[in-house]
Amino acid sequence: MSRTFRVGITPDFYVEAKGRFEAALESKLAGVSGLEFAPMPEQPGKVATVEALDQFDAIFALALNFKAESVRDAKRLALIARWGVGYDMIDVPAITGAGVMLAITPNAVRRPVAESILTLILALAKNVMEQDRLVRAGKWRASLSKLGTCLEGRTLGSIGCGNIGGEMFRLASGLGFGRRIAYDPFASAQAAAKLDVELTALETVLKESDFVAVNCFLNESTRGLIGEAQLRMMKPSAYLINTARGPIVDQKALTRALQERWIAGAGLDVFEVEPLPEGEQLRQLDNVILSPHGLAWTEEIARDNSLEACDNILALYRGEIPHGAVNREVLDSAKFQSKLESFRRAK
């Protein structure tokens, strides 16, 4: 290539995912003619600066924030290859205006996150938290405050029926749920029917489900989607599971719902502020399972996120559209097309 195609790795990888991504970079990107990768410099306040970004054609990104000021004057950057599927830390309209594409890794996360949801459902249904505490305290089953719940005949509900929600329903198909319902204004009725899922209103999912799983993206339309009014719609015997993004659920309202037993319990892998602050009331409750946004962090997801993100980068390097592209409207941008054409000419 006339100019080296440079890939920057966000600094947080070397703290949060050290040892979990390097092999994929070596196997996929090392030795590719005219391509090199290197760590980005540390970014103040975990917000990307344009000075750092414009040293690269693509960014291999974990959880660095990309704001409007990060890309306002960007000339070189063409792709943010996100390691995962959530992108609430990225100002998508801003990067689109700057001629930058965002690509995610839906194939890598589908199964691990869906398995995590079912893990929480089963743990809540079988009252695993109390069972564990009793044995550690030297007590036995006669001391249980309540019996567990069988899944057979119960209603499984989902807020979202896309990539992960669909996989959750597929995995749950053999567990005997009597009804499977979902709220998703963007879902295909045909795709839902193949999953034996009934698309319905949000209120119906909340009122009629025994287990409600949050499976939607965080954006301005879903921020605070589940608040006090919505939690009060749920059955006193129902459970809420959130492995998507914390701010989709009003955490104060959920804490109160758990304290006052509006609902039976919750399983949370995500929170409004992460890590969960010291003194947070959720830590004191006995009817919620808490995990550190890591329940889906398996050997497989680390490997496959890395490989899929590298595939998105290599597609752009070849002048092609990455399969995980999110903001496809950027294809109408003269800025992006100019960058894409330069990669094609270089090949």
Protein backbone atom coordinates (compact mmCIF):
# COMPACT_ATOMS: atom_id res chain seq x y z
CA MET A 1 0.00 0.00 0.00
CA SER A 2 1.17 3.55 -0.63
CA ARG A 3 0.35 4.42 2.98
CA THR A 4 0.34 2.00 5.91
CA PHE A 5 -3.15 1.15 7.16
CA ARG A 6 -2.89 1.74 10.90
CA VAL A 7 -5.06 0.19 13.60
CA GLY A 8 -5.16 1.67 17.11
CA ILE A 9 -6.02 -0.43 20.17
CA THR A 10 -7.82 1.48 22.92
CA PRO A 11 -5.84 1.64 26.19
CA ASP A 12 -8.51 -0.06 28.30
CA PHE A 13 -7.81 -3.41 26.60
CA TYR A 14 -4.49 -3.59 28.43
CA VAL A 15 -6.27 -3.25 31.79
CA GLU A 16 -9.69 -4.89 31.41
CA ALA A 17 -8.95 -7.56 28.80
CA LYS A 18 -5.22 -8.16 29.06
CA GLY A 19 -4.32 -11.58 27.70
CA ARG A 20 -7.74 -12.02 26.10
CA PHE A 21 -7.39 -10.26 22.74
CA GLU A 22 -3.74 -10.33 21.71
CA ALA A 23 -3.79 -13.78 20.08
CA ALA A 24 -6.57 -12.78 17.67
CA LEU A 25 -4.73 -9.63 16.63
CA GLU A 26 -1.61 -11.67 15.95
CA SER A 27 -3.46 -14.37 14.02
CA LYS A 28 -5.62 -11.99 11.97
CA LEU A 29 -3.66 -8.78 11.51
CA ALA A 30 0.03 -9.51 12.01
CA GLY A 31 1.77 -10.06 8.70
CA VAL A 32 -0.96 -8.44 6.59
CA SER A 33 0.88 -6.44 3.95
CA GLY A 34 0.68 -2.69 4.52
CA LEU A 35 -1.15 -3.00 7.86
CA GLU A 36 0.14 -2.38 11.36
CA PHE A 37 -1.47 -2.14 14.79
CA ALA A 38 -0.37 -0.38 17.95
CA PRO A 39 -1.77 0.80 21.29
CA MET A 40 -3.39 4.23 21.35
CA PRO A 41 -1.90 6.68 23.83
CA GLU A 42 -3.71 7.01 27.15
CA GLN A 43 -6.83 9.15 26.76
CA PRO A 44 -7.79 11.76 29.39
CA GLY A 45 -10.98 10.89 31.24
CA LYS A 46 -11.42 7.81 29.02
CA VAL A 47 -12.59 10.10 26.19
CA ALA A 48 -10.90 9.77 22.81
CA THR A 49 -9.11 12.83 21.44
CA VAL A 50 -9.00 13.67 17.77
CA GLU A 51 -5.21 13.99 17.96
CA ALA A 52 -4.96 10.33 18.99
CA LEU A 53 -7.68 9.03 16.69
CA ASP A 54 -6.36 10.62 13.53
CA GLN A 55 -3.13 8.67 13.77
CA PHE A 56 -5.16 5.63 12.71
CA ASP A 57 -7.49 4.39 9.95
CA ALA A 58 -9.37 2.04 12.31
CA ILE A 59 -9.77 1.72 16.07
CA PHE A 60 -10.08 -1.63 17.83
CA ALA A 61 -12.31 -0.38 20.67
CA LEU A 62 -13.37 -1.76 24.03
CA ALA A 63 -15.09 0.89 26.19
CA LEU A 64 -13.41 4.18 25.30
CA ASN A 65 -15.85 7.08 24.88
CA PHE A 66 -16.14 8.68 21.44
CA LYS A 67 -17.86 12.06 21.73
CA ALA A 68 -18.59 14.75 19.16
CA GLU A 69 -15.37 16.58 20.04
CA SER A 70 -13.44 13.32 19.58
CA VAL A 71 -14.12 13.26 15.84
CA ARG A 72 -15.08 16.82 14.92
CA ASP A 73 -11.88 17.47 12.97
CA ALA A 74 -10.97 13.88 12.16
CA LYS A 75 -9.64 13.45 8.64
CA ARG A 76 -8.06 9.99 8.58
CA LEU A 77 -10.17 7.79 10.87
CA ALA A 78 -12.64 5.62 8.96
CA LEU A 79 -13.76 2.85 11.35
CA ILE A 80 -14.45 2.16 15.02
CA ALA A 81 -14.46 -1.63 15.38
CA ARG A 82 -16.25 -2.22 18.69
CA TRP A 83 -15.37 -5.34 20.71
CA GLY A 84 -18.96 -6.24 21.60
CA VAL A 85 -22.36 -4.90 20.59
CA GLY A 86 -23.21 -2.05 22.98
CA TYR A 87 -22.27 1.37 21.70
CA ASP A 88 -23.83 3.84 24.12
CA MET A 89 -20.32 5.23 24.69
CA ILE A 90 -20.14 6.28 21.03
CA ASP A 91 -21.86 9.37 19.60
CA VAL A 92 -23.11 7.70 16.44
CA PRO A 93 -24.53 10.82 14.72
CA ALA A 94 -21.24 12.63 15.37
CA ILE A 95 -19.03 9.90 13.96
CA THR A 96 -21.38 9.52 10.99
CA GLY A 97 -21.03 13.23 10.27
CA ALA A 98 -17.27 12.82 10.40
CA GLY A 99 -17.37 10.02 7.83
CA VAL A 100 -16.58 7.27 10.35
CA MET A 101 -18.28 3.88 10.36
CA LEU A 102 -19.11 1.91 13.52
CA ALA A 103 -19.01 -1.89 13.37
CA ILE A 104 -19.96 -4.32 16.16
CA THR A 105 -19.63 -8.08 16.79
CA PRO A 106 -23.16 -9.54 16.98
CA ASN A 107 -22.18 -13.12 16.17
CA ALA A 108 -19.66 -13.31 19.00
CA VAL A 109 -21.97 -12.13 21.78
CA ARG A 110 -25.19 -13.88 20.80
CA ARG A 111 -24.76 -17.21 22.56
CA PRO A 112 -22.73 -16.14 25.65
CA VAL A 113 -25.17 -13.38 26.61
CA ALA A 114 -28.23 -15.56 25.97
CA GLU A 115 -26.72 -18.26 28.19
CA SER A 116 -26.12 -15.63 30.88
CA ILE A 117 -29.78 -14.64 30.85
CA LEU A 118 -30.87 -18.25 31.31
CA THR A 119 -28.30 -18.67 34.08
CA LEU A 120 -29.92 -15.83 36.01
CA ILE A 121 -33.44 -17.11 35.30
CA LEU A 122 -32.61 -20.56 36.64
CA ALA A 123 -30.72 -19.22 39.66
CA LEU A 124 -33.63 -16.96 40.59
CA ALA A 125 -36.26 -19.62 39.96
CA LYS A 126 -34.46 -22.18 42.11
CA ASN A 127 -33.67 -19.69 44.89
CA VAL A 128 -29.95 -20.48 44.59
CA MET A 129 -28.86 -17.44 46.63
CA GLU A 130 -30.71 -18.48 49.78
CA GLN A 131 -29.86 -22.16 49.34
CA ASP A 132 -26.17 -21.25 49.27
CA ARG A 133 -26.41 -18.95 52.29
CA LEU A 134 -28.20 -21.59 54.38
CA VAL A 135 -25.59 -24.27 53.83
CA ARG A 136 -22.75 -21.84 54.60
CA ALA A 137 -24.56 -20.93 57.84
CA GLY A 138 -24.83 -24.59 58.87
CA LYS A 139 -28.58 -24.76 58.21
CA TRP A 140 -30.65 -27.04 56.00
CA ARG A 141 -33.70 -26.97 53.72
CA ALA A 142 -36.26 -26.71 56.51
CA SER A 143 -34.95 -23.17 57.04
CA LEU A 144 -35.76 -22.03 53.49
CA SER A 145 -38.02 -18.97 53.47
CA LYS A 146 -39.66 -20.08 50.23
CA LEU A 147 -39.68 -22.89 47.71
CA GLY A 148 -38.34 -22.54 44.21
CA THR A 149 -40.30 -22.22 40.98
CA CYS A 150 -40.53 -24.61 38.02
CA LEU A 151 -40.27 -23.07 34.58
CA GLU A 152 -42.82 -25.37 32.99
CA GLY A 153 -45.93 -23.44 31.99
CA ARG A 154 -44.45 -20.06 32.97
CA THR A 155 -44.32 -17.03 30.69
CA LEU A 156 -40.96 -15.80 29.44
CA GLY A 157 -41.01 -12.17 28.32
CA SER A 158 -38.40 -10.06 26.60
CA ILE A 159 -37.96 -6.38 25.94
CA GLY A 160 -36.28 -6.77 22.59
CA CYS A 161 -36.40 -9.69 20.16
CA GLY A 162 -33.31 -9.18 18.06
CA ASN A 163 -29.92 -10.86 18.04
CA ILE A 164 -29.66 -11.77 21.74
CA GLY A 165 -33.37 -11.89 22.56
CA GLY A 166 -33.93 -14.30 19.69
CA GLU A 167 -31.10 -16.55 20.86
CA MET A 168 -32.49 -16.51 24.40
CA PHE A 169 -35.84 -17.74 23.09
CA ARG A 170 -34.13 -20.43 20.98
CA LEU A 171 -32.17 -21.73 23.97
CA ALA A 172 -35.28 -21.60 26.17
CA SER A 173 -37.39 -23.61 23.74
CA GLY A 174 -36.74 -26.90 25.54
CA LEU A 175 -37.38 -25.62 29.06
CA GLY A 176 -41.15 -25.91 28.96
CA PHE A 177 -42.24 -22.27 29.08
CA GLY A 178 -45.97 -22.13 28.39
CA ARG A 179 -45.81 -18.79 26.60
CA ARG A 180 -43.07 -16.64 25.09
CA ILE A 181 -43.79 -12.97 24.46
CA ALA A 182 -41.74 -9.93 23.45
CA TYR A 183 -42.01 -6.20 22.98
CA ASP A 184 -39.95 -4.93 20.06
CA PRO A 185 -41.30 -2.27 17.68
CA PHE A 186 -38.55 -3.11 15.18
CA ALA A 187 -38.84 -6.90 15.18
CA SER A 188 -40.07 -8.87 12.20
CA ALA A 189 -43.36 -10.67 12.87
CA GLN A 190 -42.14 -13.46 10.60
CA ALA A 191 -38.89 -13.91 12.53
CA ALA A 192 -40.77 -13.89 15.83
CA ALA A 193 -43.24 -16.48 14.58
CA LYS A 194 -40.36 -18.81 13.68
CA LEU A 195 -39.26 -18.57 17.31
CA ASP A 196 -42.82 -19.20 18.50
CA VAL A 197 -42.74 -15.75 20.08
CA GLU A 198 -45.76 -13.49 20.26
CA LEU A 199 -44.97 -9.80 19.67
CA THR A 200 -47.04 -7.67 21.98
CA ALA A 201 -47.14 -4.36 23.88
CA LEU A 202 -44.60 -3.47 26.55
CA GLU A 203 -47.38 -3.37 29.15
CA THR A 204 -48.42 -6.92 28.25
CA VAL A 205 -44.88 -8.22 28.63
CA LEU A 206 -44.58 -6.58 32.03
CA LYS A 207 -48.01 -7.60 33.34
CA GLU A 208 -48.09 -11.19 32.11
CA SER A 209 -44.49 -12.46 32.25
CA ASP A 210 -43.03 -14.49 35.08
CA PHE A 211 -39.53 -13.58 33.89
CA VAL A 212 -38.82 -10.32 32.06
CA ALA A 213 -35.44 -10.07 30.30
CA VAL A 214 -34.10 -6.74 29.03
CA ASN A 215 -32.63 -7.33 25.57
CA CYS A 216 -32.57 -3.94 23.86
CA PHE A 217 -29.91 -1.36 23.08
CA LEU A 218 -29.46 1.72 25.25
CA ASN A 219 -30.38 4.88 23.37
CA GLU A 220 -32.46 7.97 24.03
CA SER A 221 -35.71 6.06 23.45
CA THR A 222 -34.82 3.24 25.86
CA ARG A 223 -33.04 5.20 28.62
CA GLY A 224 -35.27 4.86 31.70
CA LEU A 225 -37.71 2.69 29.76
CA ILE A 226 -38.38 0.63 32.88
CA GLY A 227 -39.28 2.93 35.75
CA GLU A 228 -41.59 2.84 38.76
CA ALA A 229 -44.78 2.68 36.73
CA GLN A 230 -43.50 -0.23 34.66
CA LEU A 231 -42.15 -2.15 37.66
CA ARG A 232 -45.50 -1.81 39.42
CA MET A 233 -47.12 -3.52 36.43
CA MET A 234 -45.15 -6.70 37.06
CA LYS A 235 -46.47 -9.62 39.11
CA PRO A 236 -45.30 -9.81 42.75
CA SER A 237 -43.98 -13.27 41.83
CA ALA A 238 -42.07 -12.08 38.74
CA TYR A 239 -38.34 -11.55 38.18
CA LEU A 240 -36.49 -8.93 36.14
CA ILE A 241 -33.23 -9.82 34.38
CA ASN A 242 -30.98 -7.15 32.87
CA THR A 243 -27.82 -8.08 30.98
CA ALA A 244 -28.17 -5.26 28.44
CA ARG A 245 -27.36 -1.80 29.86
CA GLY A 246 -28.02 -0.43 33.34
CA PRO A 247 -29.66 2.90 32.45
CA ILE A 248 -32.49 1.15 30.58
CA VAL A 249 -33.88 0.47 34.07
CA ASP A 250 -34.36 3.21 36.67
CA GLN A 251 -32.08 1.79 39.35
CA LYS A 252 -33.62 3.73 42.24
CA ALA A 253 -37.08 2.53 41.28
CA LEU A 254 -35.83 -1.04 40.94
CA THR A 255 -34.15 -0.89 44.34
CA ARG A 256 -37.41 0.23 45.90
CA ALA A 257 -39.33 -2.46 44.02
CA LEU A 258 -37.00 -5.10 45.46
CA GLN A 259 -37.06 -3.62 48.98
CA GLU A 260 -40.85 -3.40 49.06
CA ARG A 261 -41.32 -6.68 47.17
CA TRP A 262 -43.32 -5.27 44.28
CA ILE A 263 -41.49 -8.04 42.40
CA ALA A 264 -39.93 -11.27 43.65
CA GLY A 265 -36.37 -10.51 42.61
CA ALA A 266 -33.89 -9.54 39.92
CA GLY A 267 -30.71 -10.66 38.23
CA LEU A 268 -28.44 -7.77 37.22
CA ASP A 269 -25.22 -7.88 35.23
CA VAL A 270 -25.33 -4.15 34.40
CA PHE A 271 -25.85 -0.96 36.40
CA GLU A 272 -26.34 2.78 35.98
CA VAL A 273 -22.80 3.37 37.28
CA GLU A 274 -20.10 0.73 36.80
CA PRO A 275 -18.38 -0.54 38.86
CA LEU A 276 -21.24 -0.52 41.36
CA PRO A 277 -20.40 2.21 43.91
CA GLU A 278 -19.62 1.37 47.51
CA GLY A 279 -22.69 1.86 49.67
CA GLU A 280 -25.11 1.12 46.83
CA GLN A 281 -28.31 -0.24 48.41
CA LEU A 282 -28.60 -3.08 45.91
CA ARG A 283 -25.64 -4.71 47.64
CA GLN A 284 -27.67 -5.13 50.82
CA LEU A 285 -30.69 -6.87 49.29
CA ASP A 286 -31.24 -10.62 49.49
CA ASN A 287 -33.53 -10.93 46.47
CA VAL A 288 -31.14 -9.78 43.74
CA ILE A 289 -28.20 -11.47 42.04
CA LEU A 290 -25.39 -9.06 41.12
CA SER A 291 -22.57 -9.72 38.65
CA PRO A 292 -19.88 -7.30 37.41
CA HIS A 293 -20.92 -6.90 33.76
CA GLY A 294 -18.94 -10.07 33.26
CA LEU A 295 -21.42 -12.93 33.26
CA ALA A 296 -20.97 -13.40 29.51
CA TRP A 297 -17.18 -12.99 29.69
CA THR A 298 -16.17 -16.48 28.64
CA GLU A 299 -13.09 -17.76 26.84
CA GLU A 300 -15.27 -18.04 23.76
CA ILE A 301 -16.63 -14.48 23.80
CA ALA A 302 -13.15 -13.04 24.29
CA ARG A 303 -11.83 -15.03 21.36
CA ASP A 304 -14.79 -14.46 19.06
CA ASN A 305 -15.25 -10.75 19.82
CA SER A 306 -11.60 -10.25 18.95
CA LEU A 307 -11.76 -12.28 15.75
CA GLU A 308 -15.00 -10.67 14.57
CA ALA A 309 -13.71 -7.16 15.27
CA CYS A 310 -10.57 -8.00 13.30
CA ASP A 311 -12.73 -9.24 10.41
CA ASN A 312 -14.54 -5.89 10.41
CA ILE A 313 -11.17 -4.10 10.25
CA LEU A 314 -9.88 -6.32 7.44
CA ALA A 315 -13.02 -5.69 5.38
CA LEU A 316 -12.39 -1.95 5.53
CA TYR A 317 -8.69 -2.48 4.76
CA ARG A 318 -9.81 -4.21 1.55
CA GLY A 319 -12.19 -1.36 0.73
CA GLU A 320 -15.28 -3.43 1.63
CA ILE A 321 -18.18 -2.79 4.00
CA PRO A 322 -17.73 -4.56 7.37
CA HIS A 323 -20.45 -7.12 8.07
CA GLY A 324 -21.04 -5.62 11.54
CA ALA A 325 -21.70 -2.10 10.23
CA VAL A 326 -24.17 -0.16 12.39
CA ASN A 327 -24.49 3.33 10.89
CA ARG A 328 -25.03 2.36 7.27
CA GLU A 329 -26.17 5.90 6.54
CA VAL A 330 -22.47 6.79 6.53
CA LEU A 331 -22.34 5.08 3.13
CA ASP A 332 -24.00 8.23 1.79
CA SER A 333 -21.17 10.36 3.17
CA ALA A 334 -18.68 11.72 0.66
CA LYS A 335 -16.07 11.75 3.44
CA PHE A 336 -16.46 8.05 4.12
CA GLN A 337 -16.65 7.10 0.45
CA SER A 338 -13.44 8.97 -0.23
CA LYS A 339 -11.67 6.98 2.51
CA LEU A 340 -13.16 3.72 1.26
CA GLU A 341 -12.07 4.44 -2.31
CA SER A 342 -8.52 5.19 -1.15
CA PHE A 343 -8.35 1.74 0.47
CA ARG A 344 -9.67 0.11 -2.71
CA ARG A 345 -7.14 1.94 -4.91
CA ALA A 346 -4.32 0.90 -2.58
CA LYS A 347 -5.19 -2.74 -3.20
